[in-house]
C-alpha cells in the first residue's frame, strides 16, 4: 500500500502548508460573521453547510461497508461515531441555524466538499483495507475524549445559536468554555477528533485530526480578533481556541 501512504503524507503536507498560509497571510474565509460579496457566486448558508459536509457523511461509512474488513464491534463503533458527528453537522446543524437570508460563497462550499472527499476517503480506505483494529485501552480513552469534545462543541454551538435567536446582532458569548476561549465550538471539535484518532490509531485518522486543527485554529484566531475589534469590553484574558495558551 505504498501508493496510499505516499498520497496520505502528501495530503498532510498540503494541510500543513495550508495552515501556515492561513496563519501568516491572515486570510479570512468569507462566511459566517466574515461573509462578504467579493468571492463570487453565493448560495444559501444552510444549503452550503449541507453540501460541504455531505461527502464525509456518505463516503467514509460507504467505503468501509463495501470493503473486505470484518464488520465487527470496533468497526461498527467507529462508523457509529463518525455518523453521530456528521449526521448532526450535515442535517441537524444547518436546520438549527438562525441565519435567514445569509449567504456563503460557492467557492468555499466546493473547497470544503473536496476537503471532506479526501479526508473521508483516507480514513475509510485505511480502516477498510489496511488497519487491523480491535478494542483496547485506547478505545476507552478515545471514547472519553471524543464525547467530552462533542459535548463542548455542541453546547458551545447551542449557546451561539441561542444568542442569534434572541438578538439579530452578534453578542459576546458568556458561560461554559466561553469564559476561557472565544471559540470553544472549534476547540471541542478538535478534541473530538483527537479522541477519534486515539480509538482508530492509524495515520488516516491522525491526518484527519491534523487537518481539522489546520482549518479551525486559523478560523478561531480570526473570530477572536473580530471579537476584540468589535467589542471594546471584550474580556482581555480570553484566549482564541486553546485555554490559557492560544
Foldseek 3Di string as FASTA:
>chain_A
DVVLVVVLVVLLVVLVVLLVCCVVVVDAAQFDPNNDCPQDDKDDPLVLQQLLLVLLLPQQVVLQVPFPDDCDDLNVVLNVLSNVVSCCRNPVLSVLAPDPPGIHDPVVSVVSNVVSNVLSVSNRCCVRPPDDADDDPLLVVLVVQQVQLVVQQVVQSVQQRVVCVVPVDGDQGDDDCSVFARCSNLLSVLSNLVSSCSRRVDSSSVSVSSSSCSPSVSNQVSSVVVCVVPDVPHDPRHHRHDGPPD
